[in-house]
């Protein structure tokens, strides 16, 4: 009488183990002003996890909440999930220089991350607004 939950748990754990991890293949454009506001397209794979497909063998599902996108240690100003392979992102203000871009995808009780090292370069003068610098600089 308790076999169904055990079978379901085995199937669920197998489905969880086979879930793909996101991958970033490009960030375009790859530079913009340190004042922020640049609209970029991040392309890659598996930016959305579909729990319905894993458990019901349905080939498609509707994307919901977009993943979190971090630029360095800051959240992007906006993120739009176009499909599982493309995100449209508005970059935050950031000190001049190269920054890592990360996509954090949640699903099935865990978060998986893809990071593209130094994928976006913020341009501008070496002087950055001193009021924002303590907020933007990791301690």
Protein backbone atom coordinates (compact mmCIF):
# COMPACT_ATOMS: atom_id res chain seq x y z
CA UNK A 1 0.00 0.00 0.00
CA UNK A 2 3.01 2.35 0.33
CA UNK A 3 4.73 1.41 -2.91
CA UNK A 4 3.44 4.35 -4.98
CA UNK A 5 5.21 7.05 -2.91
CA UNK A 6 8.48 5.11 -3.08
CA UNK A 7 8.22 4.69 -6.86
CA UNK A 8 7.31 8.36 -7.26
CA UNK A 9 10.24 9.43 -5.09
CA UNK A 10 12.62 7.30 -7.15
CA UNK A 11 11.27 8.82 -10.39
CA UNK A 12 11.43 12.33 -8.93
CA UNK A 13 15.02 11.91 -7.75
CA UNK A 14 16.04 10.59 -11.19
CA UNK A 15 14.34 13.56 -12.89
CA UNK A 16 16.12 15.95 -10.54
CA UNK A 17 19.50 14.39 -11.22
CA UNK A 18 18.99 14.75 -14.98
CA UNK A 19 18.01 18.43 -14.94
CA UNK A 20 20.27 20.53 -17.15
CA UNK A 21 22.39 23.40 -15.91
CA UNK A 22 22.32 26.82 -17.56
CA UNK A 23 25.12 27.79 -19.94
CA UNK A 24 25.99 31.31 -21.17
CA UNK A 25 27.29 31.42 -24.75
CA UNK A 26 27.25 35.18 -25.42
CA UNK A 27 26.54 38.64 -23.99
CA UNK A 28 25.76 41.20 -26.75
CA UNK A 29 26.73 43.97 -26.71
CA UNK A 30 29.65 43.20 -24.41
CA UNK A 31 30.34 46.77 -23.27
CA UNK A 32 28.50 49.89 -22.20
CA UNK A 33 28.76 52.98 -19.99
CA UNK A 34 29.44 52.67 -16.27
CA UNK A 35 26.27 54.71 -15.70
CA UNK A 36 24.31 51.56 -16.58
CA UNK A 37 21.16 51.24 -18.65
CA UNK A 38 22.69 49.25 -21.52
CA UNK A 39 20.24 46.69 -22.89
CA UNK A 40 21.97 43.39 -23.62
CA UNK A 41 20.94 39.98 -24.88
CA UNK A 42 22.33 36.96 -23.07
CA UNK A 43 22.15 33.76 -25.09
CA UNK A 44 22.83 30.25 -23.92
CA UNK A 45 20.95 27.16 -22.78
CA UNK A 46 18.52 26.13 -20.05
CA UNK A 47 17.58 29.55 -18.65
CA UNK A 48 14.26 28.07 -17.48
CA UNK A 49 13.45 24.80 -15.73
CA UNK A 50 10.09 23.21 -16.46
CA UNK A 51 8.90 20.97 -13.63
CA UNK A 52 5.78 19.99 -15.57
CA UNK A 53 7.84 18.48 -18.39
CA UNK A 54 9.97 16.47 -15.97
CA UNK A 55 7.04 14.84 -14.19
CA UNK A 56 4.34 14.66 -16.85
CA UNK A 57 6.41 14.05 -20.00
CA UNK A 58 4.94 17.14 -21.63
CA UNK A 59 7.23 18.50 -24.31
CA UNK A 60 6.67 22.20 -23.61
CA UNK A 61 5.64 24.53 -20.85
CA UNK A 62 5.29 28.28 -20.46
CA UNK A 63 8.24 30.13 -18.95
CA UNK A 64 7.40 31.87 -15.72
CA UNK A 65 9.64 33.98 -13.53
CA UNK A 66 12.90 34.93 -15.25
CA UNK A 67 16.16 33.84 -13.65
CA UNK A 68 18.25 36.25 -11.59
CA UNK A 69 21.08 37.92 -13.51
CA UNK A 70 24.05 39.28 -11.61
CA UNK A 71 26.67 41.64 -12.96
CA UNK A 72 29.59 41.29 -10.61
CA UNK A 73 27.71 41.18 -7.30
CA UNK A 74 24.80 43.40 -8.42
CA UNK A 75 21.41 42.39 -9.77
CA UNK A 76 20.57 43.53 -13.29
CA UNK A 77 18.03 46.36 -13.38
CA UNK A 78 15.57 44.26 -15.42
CA UNK A 79 15.46 40.74 -16.86
CA UNK A 80 13.05 39.43 -19.49
CA UNK A 81 12.96 35.71 -20.22
CA UNK A 82 12.42 35.56 -24.00
CA UNK A 83 12.75 31.77 -24.13
CA UNK A 84 14.94 29.06 -22.60
CA UNK A 85 17.95 30.25 -24.61
CA UNK A 86 17.65 34.06 -24.49
CA UNK A 87 17.39 36.77 -21.86
CA UNK A 88 17.03 40.52 -22.37
CA UNK A 89 18.76 42.40 -19.57
CA UNK A 90 19.29 46.03 -18.53
CA UNK A 91 22.71 46.52 -16.97
CA UNK A 92 23.08 48.31 -13.62
CA UNK A 93 25.53 51.16 -12.91
CA UNK A 94 28.95 49.68 -12.22
CA UNK A 95 32.54 50.97 -11.83
CA UNK A 96 34.56 51.00 -15.07
CA UNK A 97 36.16 47.67 -15.97
CA UNK A 98 35.24 44.09 -16.81
CA UNK A 99 32.56 42.28 -14.80
CA UNK A 100 31.38 38.68 -14.59
CA UNK A 101 27.83 37.99 -15.75
CA UNK A 102 25.93 35.21 -13.96
CA UNK A 103 22.53 33.63 -14.54
CA UNK A 104 20.93 31.90 -11.54
CA UNK A 105 18.12 29.49 -12.41
CA UNK A 106 15.87 28.13 -9.65
CA UNK A 107 13.86 24.95 -9.84
CA UNK A 108 13.23 21.66 -8.09
CA UNK A 109 14.36 23.08 -4.75
CA UNK A 110 17.82 24.21 -5.84
CA UNK A 111 19.53 27.04 -7.70
CA UNK A 112 22.07 26.41 -10.44
CA UNK A 113 24.36 29.12 -11.80
CA UNK A 114 26.17 29.81 -15.06
CA UNK A 115 28.90 32.46 -15.04
CA UNK A 116 30.64 34.11 -17.96
CA UNK A 117 33.86 35.61 -16.55
CA UNK A 118 34.52 39.25 -17.50
CA UNK A 119 31.74 39.08 -20.13
CA UNK A 120 30.75 42.76 -19.94
CA UNK A 121 33.05 45.79 -19.80
CA UNK A 122 31.83 49.02 -18.27
CA UNK A 123 33.39 52.06 -19.95
CA UNK A 124 33.87 55.56 -18.65
CA UNK A 125 36.31 57.71 -16.81
CA UNK A 126 38.32 56.41 -13.89
CA UNK A 127 36.30 58.66 -11.62
CA UNK A 128 33.08 57.08 -10.47
CA UNK A 129 30.42 58.77 -8.40
CA UNK A 130 31.82 58.46 -4.82
CA UNK A 131 28.30 58.17 -3.41
CA UNK A 132 27.67 54.94 -5.36
CA UNK A 133 31.14 53.43 -4.97
CA UNK A 134 30.60 52.01 -1.44
CA UNK A 135 27.34 50.42 -2.62
CA UNK A 136 28.89 48.88 -5.73
CA UNK A 137 32.20 47.75 -4.28
CA UNK A 138 32.14 44.37 -2.48
CA UNK A 139 33.44 44.65 1.07
